[in-house]
Amino acid sequence: MAVFLPASFPPNEFWDFSTRLYARGRVGEACLALQNRLGLDVNVLLFCCWVATSGRGGLRDGELAQALDAVESWSENVVRPLRALRQHLKGDIGQAPRTHADDLSRVIVECELHAEHILQLTLHGSIPRPGTGTMDRRAQARAATDNIHLYLAALGLAPAAADRDALAEILINAFPELPAVEVGELAAG
């Protein structure tokens, strides 16, 4: 039997940021809730935060559209089908043995993470301007919030109260050194 060994990915500040943020508090849960309720792409949501925290500030004219265009085909044809397959394997699998389906599910999870890593590398490459590091953390938090609202507007979404709470969870953990109330108010925006 052949063993799958993923390609070696180059170091990437966006991927590192995402994995750290996703693991904090209830960020992972909040991201998945927004994905399930609103259809948001968690990677794009994290990208909106990272652009700001990296000192790049707010997304400029056309940058979000460029980023979304860069990943749309990959997301539609690779990431979402892998996610759908993984979710299907959690439910009715007919006569297939559950233990084998669970083993396959674990492999699909690894493939999905690999695909999301590629998607994040693509998002990172879609914004070539460097971070300046000149923004203070409050300005970064405002820019991250603005970036997320720009993403929501691009999708034609108006978040409900539960969605705003999930966004606050993400932003509060992205900016833990700022007062949670202050960041939460930005998210409620």
Foldseek 3Di string as FASTA:
>chain_A
DDDDDDDDDDDDPLVVLVVVLCPPDCLVVLLVVCCVPPVDDSLQLSVLLCCLVQQVFADDPPLSVLLCVQCVVLCVPPQVVLVVLLVPLVDDPDPDDNVVSVVVSVVSVVSNVSSVVVSNVSSVVSDPDGHDPPDDLVSSLLRSLVSNVVVCVVVPHDDDPSSLVSVLSSSCSSRVVDPSVSSSVSSVD
